Amino acid sequence: MSLLAFALAALVLAITPGPGIAYVVARTVAGGRSEGLASCLGTAIGGLLHVLAAALGLSLLIAQSALAFAVLKYLGAAYLVYLGIRLLMRKEAAFAVKAVRSQGARRALLEGIVVEALNVKTALFFLAFLPQFVAPADPLVPQLVLLGSVCVVLNTLVDVIAVFTADRLLRSGPARAVRARLMTRASGFTMLGLGAWLALARREG
């Protein structure tokens, strides 16, 4: 069930309209497909840096204190509930794509790495999300790296699809806004339910 919950949550998060998709779409509009794909690669590398940092940090934490790791799991479940509430309360302005200037594929790649690597929200998410699905009795780093890499791959695939369909994503009209709103609401309820389920399941255990 934990793996099923992880797969569902990771997929829902990947397809949720958000700053990452808006960023690569804006890069595509500014500099074409090559710049958009370069930004996708950059954010993927930045995401993997977060995965490695989370894996090493959490492995050190559990080595020092199993209790601290258990507390982190509860806090992580609460954070998922918080994310769900934030998604449900997101305003229409959050779906807008901000204009950016063309900078070339190489610059887009480097900027993507830096932007994602310095994204504190990504670091918090991995710290909250990944520990929910690992077995502390087994080697921790391989589990965290595998789960985190799956998240990064799913996010990157969705970003690449967004690049190839940038014109459609940017096309104005009520239908696009409705689709984005529905996907975001569904994602919010999924995160809310997942966080509550994880917290209650651990309490019963």
C-alpha atoms as a PDB file:
ATOM      1  CA  MET A   1       0.000   0.000   0.000  1.00  0.00           C
ATOM      2  CA  SER A   2       2.850   2.390   0.753  1.00  0.00           C
ATOM      3  CA  LEU A   3       4.338   1.893  -2.706  1.00  0.00           C
ATOM      4  CA  LEU A   4       0.916   2.355  -4.283  1.00  0.00           C
ATOM      5  CA  ALA A   5       0.396   5.548  -2.291  1.00  0.00           C
ATOM      6  CA  PHE A   6       3.851   6.769  -3.330  1.00  0.00           C
ATOM      7  CA  ALA A   7       3.225   6.083  -7.018  1.00  0.00           C
ATOM      8  CA  LEU A   8      -0.138   7.855  -6.883  1.00  0.00           C
ATOM      9  CA  ALA A   9       1.191  10.880  -5.014  1.00  0.00           C
ATOM     10  CA  ALA A  10       4.287  11.210  -7.214  1.00  0.00           C
ATOM     11  CA  LEU A  11       2.192  11.038 -10.385  1.00  0.00           C
ATOM     12  CA  VAL A  12      -0.370  13.534  -9.144  1.00  0.00           C
ATOM     13  CA  LEU A  13       2.350  15.957  -8.088  1.00  0.00           C
ATOM     14  CA  ALA A  14       4.103  15.623 -11.457  1.00  0.00           C
ATOM     15  CA  ILE A  15       1.008  16.566 -13.473  1.00  0.00           C
ATOM     16  CA  THR A  16      -0.115  19.367 -11.147  1.00  0.00           C
ATOM     17  CA  PRO A  17       0.177  22.757 -12.894  1.00  0.00           C
ATOM     18  CA  GLY A  18       2.748  24.737 -10.949  1.00  0.00           C
ATOM     19  CA  PRO A  19       5.820  26.982 -11.085  1.00  0.00           C
ATOM     20  CA  GLY A  20       8.003  24.259 -12.638  1.00  0.00           C
ATOM     21  CA  ILE A  21       5.755  23.728 -15.646  1.00  0.00           C
ATOM     22  CA  ALA A  22       5.186  27.471 -15.994  1.00  0.00           C
ATOM     23  CA  TYR A  23       8.957  28.042 -15.950  1.00  0.00           C
ATOM     24  CA  VAL A  24       9.809  25.608 -18.757  1.00  0.00           C
ATOM     25  CA  VAL A  25       6.864  26.811 -20.830  1.00  0.00           C
ATOM     26  CA  ALA A  26       8.014  30.407 -20.429  1.00  0.00           C
ATOM     27  CA  ARG A  27      11.533  29.376 -21.456  1.00  0.00           C
ATOM     28  CA  THR A  28      10.095  27.659 -24.551  1.00  0.00           C
ATOM     29  CA  VAL A  29       8.130  30.743 -25.527  1.00  0.00           C
ATOM     30  CA  ALA A  30      11.184  32.948 -25.062  1.00  0.00           C
ATOM     31  CA  GLY A  31      13.809  30.806 -26.757  1.00  0.00           C
ATOM     32  CA  GLY A  32      12.147  27.944 -28.577  1.00  0.00           C
ATOM     33  CA  ARG A  33      12.076  24.212 -28.013  1.00  0.00           C
ATOM     34  CA  SER A  34      15.840  23.853 -27.466  1.00  0.00           C
ATOM     35  CA  GLU A  35      15.816  26.390 -24.650  1.00  0.00           C
ATOM     36  CA  GLY A  36      12.754  24.783 -23.098  1.00  0.00           C
ATOM     37  CA  LEU A  37      14.298  21.306 -23.164  1.00  0.00           C
ATOM     38  CA  ALA A  38      17.546  22.670 -21.764  1.00  0.00           C
ATOM     39  CA  SER A  39      15.644  24.181 -18.846  1.00  0.00           C
ATOM     40  CA  CYS A  40      13.953  20.807 -18.262  1.00  0.00           C
ATOM     41  CA  LEU A  41      17.356  19.133 -18.030  1.00  0.00           C
ATOM     42  CA  GLY A  42      18.567  21.859 -15.691  1.00  0.00           C
ATOM     43  CA  THR A  43      15.663  21.519 -13.277  1.00  0.00           C
ATOM     44  CA  ALA A  44      16.081  17.729 -13.354  1.00  0.00           C
ATOM     45  CA  ILE A  45      19.734  18.026 -12.322  1.00  0.00           C
ATOM     46  CA  GLY A  46      18.767  20.490  -9.609  1.00  0.00           C
ATOM     47  CA  GLY A  47      16.097  18.089  -8.395  1.00  0.00           C
ATOM     48  CA  LEU A  48      18.581  15.224  -8.204  1.00  0.00           C
ATOM     49  CA  LEU A  49      20.851  17.397  -6.068  1.00  0.00           C
ATOM     50  CA  HIS A  50      17.955  17.772  -3.624  1.00  0.00           C
ATOM     51  CA  VAL A  51      17.412  14.013  -3.668  1.00  0.00           C
ATOM     52  CA  LEU A  52      21.041  13.322  -2.810  1.00  0.00           C
ATOM     53  CA  ALA A  53      21.037  15.952  -0.071  1.00  0.00           C
ATOM     54  CA  ALA A  54      17.849  14.522   1.429  1.00  0.00           C
ATOM     55  CA  ALA A  55      19.174  10.957   1.257  1.00  0.00           C
ATOM     56  CA  LEU A  56      22.431  11.813   3.002  1.00  0.00           C
ATOM     57  CA  GLY A  57      20.800  14.069   5.577  1.00  0.00           C
ATOM     58  CA  LEU A  58      18.046  11.625   6.482  1.00  0.00           C
ATOM     59  CA  SER A  59      20.457   8.698   6.682  1.00  0.00           C
ATOM     60  CA  LEU A  60      22.544  10.643   9.199  1.00  0.00           C
ATOM     61  CA  LEU A  61      19.406  11.543  11.141  1.00  0.00           C
ATOM     62  CA  ILE A  62      18.199   7.965  11.520  1.00  0.00           C
ATOM     63  CA  ALA A  63      21.712   6.868  12.469  1.00  0.00           C
ATOM     64  CA  GLN A  64      21.650   9.385  15.309  1.00  0.00           C
ATOM     65  CA  SER A  65      18.073   8.960  16.500  1.00  0.00           C
ATOM     66  CA  ALA A  66      15.272   6.635  15.435  1.00  0.00           C
ATOM     67  CA  LEU A  67      12.882   8.780  17.473  1.00  0.00           C
ATOM     68  CA  ALA A  68      13.818  11.910  15.530  1.00  0.00           C
ATOM     69  CA  PHE A  69      13.207  10.068  12.280  1.00  0.00           C
ATOM     70  CA  ALA A  70       9.770   8.952  13.517  1.00  0.00           C
ATOM     71  CA  VAL A  71       8.911  12.524  14.493  1.00  0.00           C
ATOM     72  CA  LEU A  72      10.019  13.681  11.053  1.00  0.00           C
ATOM     73  CA  LYS A  73       7.569  11.241   9.484  1.00  0.00           C
ATOM     74  CA  TYR A  74       4.696  12.742  11.441  1.00  0.00           C
ATOM     75  CA  LEU A  75       5.806  16.250  10.536  1.00  0.00           C
ATOM     76  CA  GLY A  76       6.107  15.149   6.924  1.00  0.00           C
ATOM     77  CA  ALA A  77       2.541  13.827   6.911  1.00  0.00           C
ATOM     78  CA  ALA A  78       1.382  17.156   8.362  1.00  0.00           C
ATOM     79  CA  TYR A  79       3.326  18.994   5.644  1.00  0.00           C
ATOM     80  CA  LEU A  80       1.548  16.976   2.951  1.00  0.00           C
ATOM     81  CA  VAL A  81      -1.780  18.016   4.459  1.00  0.00           C
ATOM     82  CA  TYR A  82      -0.552  21.617   4.389  1.00  0.00           C
ATOM     83  CA  LEU A  83       0.391  21.294   0.710  1.00  0.00           C
ATOM     84  CA  GLY A  84      -3.058  19.908  -0.039  1.00  0.00           C
ATOM     85  CA  ILE A  85      -4.709  22.889   1.651  1.00  0.00           C
ATOM     86  CA  ARG A  86      -2.447  25.308  -0.239  1.00  0.00           C
ATOM     87  CA  LEU A  87      -3.392  23.694  -3.555  1.00  0.00           C
ATOM     88  CA  LEU A  88      -7.091  23.911  -2.738  1.00  0.00           C
ATOM     89  CA  MET A  89      -6.716  27.606  -1.886  1.00  0.00           C
ATOM     90  CA  ARG A  90      -4.614  28.481  -4.949  1.00  0.00           C
ATOM     91  CA  LYS A  91      -5.871  31.516  -6.822  1.00  0.00           C
ATOM     92  CA  GLU A  92      -6.298  31.913 -10.568  1.00  0.00           C
ATOM     93  CA  ALA A  93      -3.186  34.098 -10.789  1.00  0.00           C
ATOM     94  CA  ALA A  94      -1.058  31.089  -9.890  1.00  0.00           C
ATOM     95  CA  PHE A  95      -1.821  29.532 -13.276  1.00  0.00           C
ATOM     96  CA  ALA A  96      -0.325  32.435 -15.222  1.00  0.00           C
ATOM     97  CA  VAL A  97       2.923  32.067 -17.152  1.00  0.00           C
ATOM     98  CA  LYS A  98       5.286  34.993 -16.634  1.00  0.00           C
ATOM     99  CA  ALA A  99       7.227  36.324 -19.593  1.00  0.00           C
ATOM    100  CA  VAL A 100      11.014  35.821 -19.627  1.00  0.00           C
ATOM    101  CA  ARG A 101      13.807  36.832 -21.993  1.00  0.00           C
ATOM    102  CA  SER A 102      15.596  34.400 -24.295  1.00  0.00           C
ATOM    103  CA  GLN A 103      19.075  33.531 -22.989  1.00  0.00           C
ATOM    104  CA  GLY A 104      20.164  30.569 -25.086  1.00  0.00           C
ATOM    105  CA  ALA A 105      20.068  26.843 -24.361  1.00  0.00           C
ATOM    106  CA  ARG A 106      23.295  26.747 -22.332  1.00  0.00           C
ATOM    107  CA  ARG A 107      22.198  29.617 -20.110  1.00  0.00           C
ATOM    108  CA  ALA A 108      18.748  28.034 -19.739  1.00  0.00           C
ATOM    109  CA  LEU A 109      20.385  24.775 -18.598  1.00  0.00           C
ATOM    110  CA  LEU A 110      22.558  26.480 -15.997  1.00  0.00           C
ATOM    111  CA  GLU A 111      19.724  28.685 -14.814  1.00  0.00           C
ATOM    112  CA  GLY A 112      17.455  25.664 -14.459  1.00  0.00           C
ATOM    113  CA  ILE A 113      20.026  23.922 -12.255  1.00  0.00           C
ATOM    114  CA  VAL A 114      20.513  26.971 -10.043  1.00  0.00           C
ATOM    115  CA  VAL A 115      16.818  27.819  -9.761  1.00  0.00           C
ATOM    116  CA  GLU A 116      15.861  24.285  -8.719  1.00  0.00           C
ATOM    117  CA  ALA A 117      18.899  23.680  -6.512  1.00  0.00           C
ATOM    118  CA  LEU A 118      18.145  26.848  -4.545  1.00  0.00           C
ATOM    119  CA  ASN A 119      14.426  26.097  -4.280  1.00  0.00           C
ATOM    120  CA  VAL A 120      13.807  25.669  -0.541  1.00  0.00           C
ATOM    121  CA  LYS A 121      10.297  24.335  -1.188  1.00  0.00           C
ATOM    122  CA  THR A 122      11.730  21.418  -3.154  1.00  0.00           C
ATOM    123  CA  ALA A 123      14.108  20.574  -0.307  1.00  0.00           C
ATOM    124  CA  LEU A 124      11.272  20.698   2.230  1.00  0.00           C
ATOM    125  CA  PHE A 125       9.080  18.532   0.039  1.00  0.00           C
ATOM    126  CA  PHE A 126      11.650  15.766  -0.342  1.00  0.00           C
ATOM    127  CA  LEU A 127      12.400  15.830   3.392  1.00  0.00           C
ATOM    128  CA  ALA A 128       8.685  15.516   4.141  1.00  0.00           C
ATOM    129  CA  PHE A 129       7.630  13.178   1.348  1.00  0.00           C
ATOM    130  CA  LEU A 130      10.344  10.553   0.920  1.00  0.00           C
ATOM    131  CA  PRO A 131      10.598   9.308   4.543  1.00  0.00           C
ATOM    132  CA  GLN A 132       6.925   8.277   4.439  1.00  0.00           C
ATOM    133  CA  PHE A 133       7.708   5.380   2.110  1.00  0.00           C
ATOM    134  CA  VAL A 134      10.986   3.897   3.337  1.00  0.00           C
ATOM    135  CA  ALA A 135      11.712   0.985   5.648  1.00  0.00           C
ATOM    136  CA  PRO A 136      14.126   2.241   8.354  1.00  0.00           C
ATOM    137  CA  ALA A 137      15.392  -1.300   8.970  1.00  0.00           C
ATOM    138  CA  ASP A 138      16.760  -1.503   5.402  1.00  0.00           C
ATOM    139  CA  PRO A 139      19.594   0.567   3.892  1.00  0.00           C
ATOM    140  CA  LEU A 140      18.136   4.048   3.756  1.00  0.00           C
ATOM    141  CA  VAL A 141      20.161   5.903   1.135  1.00  0.00           C
ATOM    142  CA  PRO A 142      19.351   3.540  -1.797  1.00  0.00           C
ATOM    143  CA  GLN A 143      15.639   3.712  -0.961  1.00  0.00           C
ATOM    144  CA  LEU A 144      15.609   7.497  -0.766  1.00  0.00           C
ATOM    145  CA  VAL A 145      17.641   7.922  -3.941  1.00  0.00           C
ATOM    146  CA  LEU A 146      15.363   5.523  -5.849  1.00  0.00           C
ATOM    147  CA  LEU A 147      12.122   7.137  -4.687  1.00  0.00           C
ATOM    148  CA  GLY A 148      13.462  10.641  -5.186  1.00  0.00           C
ATOM    149  CA  SER A 149      14.744   9.807  -8.652  1.00  0.00           C
ATOM    150  CA  VAL A 150      11.313   8.472  -9.625  1.00  0.00           C
ATOM    151  CA  CYS A 151       9.809  11.820  -8.587  1.00  0.00           C
ATOM    152  CA  VAL A 152      12.401  13.742 -10.596  1.00  0.00           C
ATOM    153  CA  VAL A 153      11.914  11.562 -13.687  1.00  0.00           C
ATOM    154  CA  LEU A 154       8.124  11.950 -13.573  1.00  0.00           C
ATOM    155  CA  ASN A 155       8.401  15.703 -13.117  1.00  0.00           C
ATOM    156  CA  THR A 156      10.878  15.977 -15.979  1.00  0.00           C
ATOM    157  CA  LEU A 157       8.714  13.913 -18.330  1.00  0.00           C
ATOM    158  CA  VAL A 158       5.766  16.181 -17.631  1.00  0.00           C
ATOM    159  CA  ASP A 159       7.971  19.252 -18.157  1.00  0.00           C
ATOM    160  CA  VAL A 160       9.154  17.894 -21.516  1.00  0.00           C
ATOM    161  CA  ILE A 161       5.559  17.276 -22.590  1.00  0.00           C
ATOM    162  CA  ALA A 162       4.750  20.843 -21.541  1.00  0.00           C
ATOM    163  CA  VAL A 163       7.582  22.135 -23.721  1.00  0.00           C
ATOM    164  CA  PHE A 164       6.314  20.272 -26.790  1.00  0.00           C
ATOM    165  CA  THR A 165       2.784  21.512 -26.197  1.00  0.00           C
ATOM    166  CA  ALA A 166       3.671  25.039 -25.045  1.00  0.00           C
ATOM    167  CA  ASP A 167       1.487  26.717 -27.654  1.00  0.00           C
ATOM    168  CA  ARG A 168      -1.547  24.788 -26.498  1.00  0.00           C
ATOM    169  CA  LEU A 169      -0.792  25.401 -22.834  1.00  0.00           C
ATOM    170  CA  LEU A 170      -0.474  29.133 -23.449  1.00  0.00           C
ATOM    171  CA  ARG A 171      -3.586  29.424 -25.590  1.00  0.00           C
ATOM    172  CA  SER A 172      -6.022  31.668 -23.784  1.00  0.00           C
ATOM    173  CA  GLY A 173      -9.571  30.593 -23.114  1.00  0.00           C
ATOM    174  CA  PRO A 174     -11.825  29.275 -20.355  1.00  0.00           C
ATOM    175  CA  ALA A 175     -11.225  25.606 -21.211  1.00  0.00           C
ATOM    176  CA  ARG A 176      -7.510  25.759 -20.318  1.00  0.00           C
ATOM    177  CA  ALA A 177      -8.228  27.584 -17.065  1.00  0.00           C
ATOM    178  CA  VAL A 178     -10.895  25.057 -16.115  1.00  0.00           C
ATOM    179  CA  ARG A 179      -8.571  22.106 -16.793  1.00  0.00           C
ATOM    180  CA  ALA A 180      -5.773  23.655 -14.728  1.00  0.00           C
ATOM    181  CA  ARG A 181      -8.172  24.432 -11.899  1.00  0.00           C
ATOM    182  CA  LEU A 182      -9.635  20.919 -11.856  1.00  0.00           C
ATOM    183  CA  MET A 183      -6.175  19.284 -11.881  1.00  0.00           C
ATOM    184  CA  THR A 184      -5.030  21.514  -9.037  1.00  0.00           C
ATOM    185  CA  ARG A 185      -8.126  20.806  -6.946  1.00  0.00           C
ATOM    186  CA  ALA A 186      -7.741  17.059  -7.506  1.00  0.00           C
ATOM    187  CA  SER A 187      -4.083  17.290  -6.509  1.00  0.00           C
ATOM    188  CA  GLY A 188      -4.994  19.211  -3.368  1.00  0.00           C
ATOM    189  CA  PHE A 189      -7.514  16.610  -2.240  1.00  0.00           C
ATOM    190  CA  THR A 190      -5.026  13.832  -3.013  1.00  0.00           C
ATOM    191  CA  MET A 191      -2.284  15.439  -0.892  1.00  0.00           C
ATOM    192  CA  LEU A 192      -4.750  16.163   1.901  1.00  0.00           C
ATOM    193  CA  GLY A 193      -6.006  12.585   1.938  1.00  0.00           C
ATOM    194  CA  LEU A 194      -2.535  11.085   1.640  1.00  0.00           C
ATOM    195  CA  GLY A 195      -1.148  13.113   4.525  1.00  0.00           C
ATOM    196  CA  ALA A 196      -4.097  12.215   6.751  1.00  0.00           C
ATOM    197  CA  TRP A 197      -3.916   8.535   5.780  1.00  0.00           C
ATOM    198  CA  LEU A 198      -0.203   8.310   6.527  1.00  0.00           C
ATOM    199  CA  ALA A 199      -0.579  10.020   9.906  1.00  0.00           C
ATOM    200  CA  LEU A 200      -3.508   7.841  10.968  1.00  0.00           C
ATOM    201  CA  ALA A 201      -1.905   4.635   9.719  1.00  0.00           C
ATOM    202  CA  ARG A 202       1.210   5.272  11.811  1.00  0.00           C
ATOM    203  CA  ARG A 203      -0.852   6.199  14.864  1.00  0.00           C
ATOM    204  CA  GLU A 204      -2.765   2.940  14.646  1.00  0.00           C
ATOM    205  CA  GLY A 205       0.495   1.017  14.221  1.00  0.00           C
END
